[in-house]
Amino acid sequence: MGRGKIEIKRIENATNRQVTYSKRRNGIFKKAQELTVLCDAKVSLIMFSNTGKFHEFISPTTNTKKMFDQYQKTLGIDVWATHYARMQESLRKLKEINNKLKREIRQRIGEDLEGLSCEEMRSLEQKMTAAVDVVRERKYHVIKTQTDTYKKKVRNLEERHGNILLDFVS
């Protein structure tokens, strides 16, 4: 007795869907392994389940990089070239930002000022003034916090001292 045909559509029951996925995945991996042995084919199979689990089969005579290289060569494309170009552009921009920041630091400590115009010098002076104001504000805040803490400690000690004197007199 043969199996009946099933309608190919999404299985709604999550448990049944997972069981079917697992069985069919194993079947596909078995077929891939058979193709490799019987036909000396290079097979690479990559699967991700709907839960994000990764499953892979690769022929023993090859590796994933070789498969991608052969894929690119066969199609005449370079899937990594655009990614490499984007990374190079990103690196160039980051280096440019880094150099600007280094130059700004040197200028703030009084170096590398030769090529600055009058307007750039004024801008640097304003930045330095703003930085000094921020540091001064932080310093005053720390001092105020410490002063308040010490005042509370003094009050606490005075209360203890007063309580000790009352206990002593009574």
C-alpha atoms as a PDB file:
ATOM      1  CA  MET A   1       0.000   0.000   0.000  1.00  0.00           C
ATOM      2  CA  GLY A   2       1.449   3.374  -1.051  1.00  0.00           C
ATOM      3  CA  ARG A   3       1.369   6.655   0.735  1.00  0.00           C
ATOM      4  CA  GLY A   4      -1.273   9.197  -0.135  1.00  0.00           C
ATOM      5  CA  LYS A   5      -0.261  12.555  -1.554  1.00  0.00           C
ATOM      6  CA  ILE A   6      -0.211  15.409   0.885  1.00  0.00           C
ATOM      7  CA  GLU A   7      -1.052  18.972   0.097  1.00  0.00           C
ATOM      8  CA  ILE A   8       2.077  21.134   0.224  1.00  0.00           C
ATOM      9  CA  LYS A   9       1.179  24.001   2.530  1.00  0.00           C
ATOM     10  CA  ARG A  10       2.348  25.313   5.863  1.00  0.00           C
ATOM     11  CA  ILE A  11       1.642  22.970   8.774  1.00  0.00           C
ATOM     12  CA  GLU A  12      -0.279  24.986  11.374  1.00  0.00           C
ATOM     13  CA  ASN A  13       0.417  22.778  14.409  1.00  0.00           C
ATOM     14  CA  ALA A  14       3.858  23.793  15.727  1.00  0.00           C
ATOM     15  CA  THR A  15       4.712  20.338  17.092  1.00  0.00           C
ATOM     16  CA  ASN A  16       3.767  18.579  13.854  1.00  0.00           C
ATOM     17  CA  ARG A  17       5.655  21.226  11.873  1.00  0.00           C
ATOM     18  CA  GLN A  18       8.824  20.646  13.945  1.00  0.00           C
ATOM     19  CA  VAL A  19       8.575  16.847  13.624  1.00  0.00           C
ATOM     20  CA  THR A  20       8.075  17.126   9.843  1.00  0.00           C
ATOM     21  CA  TYR A  21      11.012  19.547   9.571  1.00  0.00           C
ATOM     22  CA  SER A  22      13.275  17.209  11.522  1.00  0.00           C
ATOM     23  CA  LYS A  23      12.324  14.121   9.481  1.00  0.00           C
ATOM     24  CA  ARG A  24      12.572  15.886   6.114  1.00  0.00           C
ATOM     25  CA  ARG A  25      15.847  17.553   7.096  1.00  0.00           C
ATOM     26  CA  ASN A  26      17.301  14.151   7.905  1.00  0.00           C
ATOM     27  CA  GLY A  27      15.994  12.844   4.571  1.00  0.00           C
ATOM     28  CA  ILE A  28      17.596  15.689   2.640  1.00  0.00           C
ATOM     29  CA  PHE A  29      20.894  15.160   4.469  1.00  0.00           C
ATOM     30  CA  LYS A  30      20.728  11.427   3.671  1.00  0.00           C
ATOM     31  CA  LYS A  31      20.142  12.199  -0.043  1.00  0.00           C
ATOM     32  CA  ALA A  32      23.033  14.694  -0.033  1.00  0.00           C
ATOM     33  CA  GLN A  33      25.326  12.107   1.532  1.00  0.00           C
ATOM     34  CA  GLU A  34      24.217   9.492  -1.020  1.00  0.00           C
ATOM     35  CA  LEU A  35      24.886  11.908  -3.907  1.00  0.00           C
ATOM     36  CA  THR A  36      28.355  12.539  -2.526  1.00  0.00           C
ATOM     37  CA  VAL A  37      29.191   8.834  -2.271  1.00  0.00           C
ATOM     38  CA  LEU A  38      27.498   7.534  -5.424  1.00  0.00           C
ATOM     39  CA  CYS A  39      28.319  10.349  -7.831  1.00  0.00           C
ATOM     40  CA  ASP A  40      31.454  11.836  -6.250  1.00  0.00           C
ATOM     41  CA  ALA A  41      29.564  15.145  -6.201  1.00  0.00           C
ATOM     42  CA  LYS A  42      30.549  18.053  -4.014  1.00  0.00           C
ATOM     43  CA  VAL A  43      27.471  18.934  -1.988  1.00  0.00           C
ATOM     44  CA  SER A  44      26.968  21.738   0.480  1.00  0.00           C
ATOM     45  CA  LEU A  45      23.666  22.110   2.274  1.00  0.00           C
ATOM     46  CA  ILE A  46      22.924  24.892   4.752  1.00  0.00           C
ATOM     47  CA  MET A  47      19.605  25.088   6.589  1.00  0.00           C
ATOM     48  CA  PHE A  48      18.132  27.311   9.265  1.00  0.00           C
ATOM     49  CA  SER A  49      14.984  26.225  11.062  1.00  0.00           C
ATOM     50  CA  ASN A  50      12.237  28.719  11.874  1.00  0.00           C
ATOM     51  CA  THR A  51      13.674  28.829  15.412  1.00  0.00           C
ATOM     52  CA  GLY A  52      17.056  29.858  14.002  1.00  0.00           C
ATOM     53  CA  LYS A  53      18.862  26.554  14.538  1.00  0.00           C
ATOM     54  CA  PHE A  54      21.656  25.971  12.043  1.00  0.00           C
ATOM     55  CA  HIS A  55      22.114  22.651  10.223  1.00  0.00           C
ATOM     56  CA  GLU A  56      24.811  21.945   7.658  1.00  0.00           C
ATOM     57  CA  PHE A  57      26.038  19.131   5.438  1.00  0.00           C
ATOM     58  CA  ILE A  58      29.243  19.428   3.449  1.00  0.00           C
ATOM     59  CA  SER A  59      30.942  16.731   1.378  1.00  0.00           C
ATOM     60  CA  PRO A  60      34.018  15.306   3.083  1.00  0.00           C
ATOM     61  CA  THR A  61      36.195  16.190   0.073  1.00  0.00           C
ATOM     62  CA  THR A  62      35.537  19.940   0.282  1.00  0.00           C
ATOM     63  CA  ASN A  63      34.825  22.791   2.683  1.00  0.00           C
ATOM     64  CA  THR A  64      32.420  25.715   2.740  1.00  0.00           C
ATOM     65  CA  LYS A  65      34.971  28.248   1.469  1.00  0.00           C
ATOM     66  CA  LYS A  66      35.862  26.079  -1.521  1.00  0.00           C
ATOM     67  CA  MET A  67      32.153  25.691  -2.302  1.00  0.00           C
ATOM     68  CA  PHE A  68      31.583  29.461  -2.213  1.00  0.00           C
ATOM     69  CA  ASP A  69      34.683  30.058  -4.333  1.00  0.00           C
ATOM     70  CA  GLN A  70      33.494  27.544  -6.934  1.00  0.00           C
ATOM     71  CA  TYR A  71      29.991  29.071  -6.838  1.00  0.00           C
ATOM     72  CA  GLN A  72      31.417  32.543  -7.495  1.00  0.00           C
ATOM     73  CA  LYS A  73      33.709  31.275 -10.247  1.00  0.00           C
ATOM     74  CA  THR A  74      30.881  29.393 -11.974  1.00  0.00           C
ATOM     75  CA  LEU A  75      28.531  32.399 -11.888  1.00  0.00           C
ATOM     76  CA  GLY A  76      31.292  34.898 -12.619  1.00  0.00           C
ATOM     77  CA  ILE A  77      30.496  37.033  -9.586  1.00  0.00           C
ATOM     78  CA  ASP A  78      32.330  38.039  -6.452  1.00  0.00           C
ATOM     79  CA  VAL A  79      29.941  38.066  -3.489  1.00  0.00           C
ATOM     80  CA  TRP A  80      32.655  39.386  -1.195  1.00  0.00           C
ATOM     81  CA  ALA A  81      33.817  42.303  -3.385  1.00  0.00           C
ATOM     82  CA  THR A  82      30.940  44.631  -2.501  1.00  0.00           C
ATOM     83  CA  HIS A  83      31.204  43.686   1.170  1.00  0.00           C
ATOM     84  CA  TYR A  84      34.968  44.307   1.070  1.00  0.00           C
ATOM     85  CA  ALA A  85      34.449  47.662  -0.661  1.00  0.00           C
ATOM     86  CA  ARG A  86      31.921  48.726   2.008  1.00  0.00           C
ATOM     87  CA  MET A  87      34.315  47.700   4.763  1.00  0.00           C
ATOM     88  CA  GLN A  88      37.168  49.630   3.101  1.00  0.00           C
ATOM     89  CA  GLU A  89      34.967  52.742   2.829  1.00  0.00           C
ATOM     90  CA  SER A  90      33.938  52.385   6.466  1.00  0.00           C
ATOM     91  CA  LEU A  91      37.587  51.995   7.481  1.00  0.00           C
ATOM     92  CA  ARG A  92      38.542  55.106   5.469  1.00  0.00           C
ATOM     93  CA  LYS A  93      35.809  57.170   7.168  1.00  0.00           C
ATOM     94  CA  LEU A  94      36.800  55.933  10.637  1.00  0.00           C
ATOM     95  CA  LYS A  95      40.460  56.771   9.972  1.00  0.00           C
ATOM     96  CA  GLU A  96      39.428  60.240   8.817  1.00  0.00           C
ATOM     97  CA  ILE A  97      37.395  60.794  12.001  1.00  0.00           C
ATOM     98  CA  ASN A  98      40.281  59.452  14.087  1.00  0.00           C
ATOM     99  CA  ASN A  99      42.758  61.844  12.429  1.00  0.00           C
ATOM    100  CA  LYS A 100      40.422  64.811  12.983  1.00  0.00           C
ATOM    101  CA  LEU A 101      40.050  63.916  16.656  1.00  0.00           C
ATOM    102  CA  LYS A 102      43.820  63.500  17.076  1.00  0.00           C
ATOM    103  CA  ARG A 103      44.382  66.889  15.457  1.00  0.00           C
ATOM    104  CA  GLU A 104      41.762  68.485  17.711  1.00  0.00           C
ATOM    105  CA  ILE A 105      43.436  66.982  20.783  1.00  0.00           C
ATOM    106  CA  ARG A 106      46.839  68.288  19.667  1.00  0.00           C
ATOM    107  CA  GLN A 107      45.334  71.737  19.110  1.00  0.00           C
ATOM    108  CA  ARG A 108      43.720  71.720  22.554  1.00  0.00           C
ATOM    109  CA  ILE A 109      47.087  71.055  24.175  1.00  0.00           C
ATOM    110  CA  GLY A 110      48.658  73.887  22.176  1.00  0.00           C
ATOM    111  CA  GLU A 111      50.287  71.946  19.331  1.00  0.00           C
ATOM    112  CA  ASP A 112      49.588  71.951  15.587  1.00  0.00           C
ATOM    113  CA  LEU A 113      48.259  75.539  15.572  1.00  0.00           C
ATOM    114  CA  GLU A 114      50.298  76.859  12.612  1.00  0.00           C
ATOM    115  CA  GLY A 115      47.727  76.349   9.853  1.00  0.00           C
ATOM    116  CA  LEU A 116      44.716  77.738  11.752  1.00  0.00           C
ATOM    117  CA  SER A 117      42.941  80.865  10.568  1.00  0.00           C
ATOM    118  CA  CYS A 118      41.782  83.589  12.934  1.00  0.00           C
ATOM    119  CA  GLU A 119      38.233  82.208  12.864  1.00  0.00           C
ATOM    120  CA  GLU A 120      39.438  78.685  13.636  1.00  0.00           C
ATOM    121  CA  MET A 121      41.504  80.050  16.536  1.00  0.00           C
ATOM    122  CA  ARG A 122      38.422  81.815  17.932  1.00  0.00           C
ATOM    123  CA  SER A 123      36.425  78.608  17.576  1.00  0.00           C
ATOM    124  CA  LEU A 124      39.149  76.672  19.392  1.00  0.00           C
ATOM    125  CA  GLU A 125      39.175  79.303  22.138  1.00  0.00           C
ATOM    126  CA  GLN A 126      35.386  79.003  22.541  1.00  0.00           C
ATOM    127  CA  LYS A 127      35.637  75.219  22.742  1.00  0.00           C
ATOM    128  CA  MET A 128      38.360  75.509  25.370  1.00  0.00           C
ATOM    129  CA  THR A 129      36.301  78.015  27.381  1.00  0.00           C
ATOM    130  CA  ALA A 130      33.276  75.717  27.224  1.00  0.00           C
ATOM    131  CA  ALA A 131      35.424  72.766  28.329  1.00  0.00           C
ATOM    132  CA  VAL A 132      36.808  74.754  31.268  1.00  0.00           C
ATOM    133  CA  ASP A 133      33.251  75.704  32.268  1.00  0.00           C
ATOM    134  CA  VAL A 134      32.190  72.047  32.205  1.00  0.00           C
ATOM    135  CA  VAL A 135      35.174  71.009  34.318  1.00  0.00           C
ATOM    136  CA  ARG A 136      34.568  73.858  36.761  1.00  0.00           C
ATOM    137  CA  GLU A 137      30.879  72.917  37.061  1.00  0.00           C
ATOM    138  CA  ARG A 138      31.768  69.284  37.757  1.00  0.00           C
ATOM    139  CA  LYS A 139      34.354  70.355  40.315  1.00  0.00           C
ATOM    140  CA  TYR A 140      31.854  72.604  42.128  1.00  0.00           C
ATOM    141  CA  HIS A 141      29.280  69.800  42.113  1.00  0.00           C
ATOM    142  CA  VAL A 142      31.777  67.352  43.665  1.00  0.00           C
ATOM    143  CA  ILE A 143      32.800  69.903  46.304  1.00  0.00           C
ATOM    144  CA  LYS A 144      29.151  70.685  47.136  1.00  0.00           C
ATOM    145  CA  THR A 145      28.308  66.980  47.427  1.00  0.00           C
ATOM    146  CA  GLN A 146      31.291  66.376  49.699  1.00  0.00           C
ATOM    147  CA  THR A 147      30.441  69.435  51.808  1.00  0.00           C
ATOM    148  CA  ASP A 148      26.823  68.293  52.218  1.00  0.00           C
ATOM    149  CA  THR A 149      28.015  64.809  53.213  1.00  0.00           C
ATOM    150  CA  TYR A 150      30.395  66.184  55.822  1.00  0.00           C
ATOM    151  CA  LYS A 151      27.712  68.522  57.211  1.00  0.00           C
ATOM    152  CA  LYS A 152      25.406  65.527  57.662  1.00  0.00           C
ATOM    153  CA  LYS A 153      28.194  63.624  59.420  1.00  0.00           C
ATOM    154  CA  VAL A 154      28.860  66.578  61.732  1.00  0.00           C
ATOM    155  CA  ARG A 155      25.125  66.865  62.577  1.00  0.00           C
ATOM    156  CA  ASN A 156      24.955  63.147  63.236  1.00  0.00           C
ATOM    157  CA  LEU A 157      27.996  63.293  65.536  1.00  0.00           C
ATOM    158  CA  GLU A 158      26.591  66.337  67.376  1.00  0.00           C
ATOM    159  CA  GLU A 159      23.324  64.452  67.951  1.00  0.00           C
ATOM    160  CA  ARG A 160      25.201  61.422  69.263  1.00  0.00           C
ATOM    161  CA  HIS A 161      27.332  63.636  71.495  1.00  0.00           C
ATOM    162  CA  GLY A 162      24.185  65.352  72.808  1.00  0.00           C
ATOM    163  CA  ASN A 163      22.519  61.981  73.481  1.00  0.00           C
ATOM    164  CA  ILE A 164      25.618  60.725  75.308  1.00  0.00           C
ATOM    165  CA  LEU A 165      25.634  63.866  77.518  1.00  0.00           C
ATOM    166  CA  LEU A 166      21.911  63.427  78.295  1.00  0.00           C
ATOM    167  CA  ASP A 167      22.473  59.770  79.176  1.00  0.00           C
ATOM    168  CA  PHE A 168      25.415  60.744  81.364  1.00  0.00           C
ATOM    169  CA  VAL A 169      23.484  63.494  83.215  1.00  0.00           C
ATOM    170  CA  SER A 170      20.425  61.295  83.845  1.00  0.00           C
END
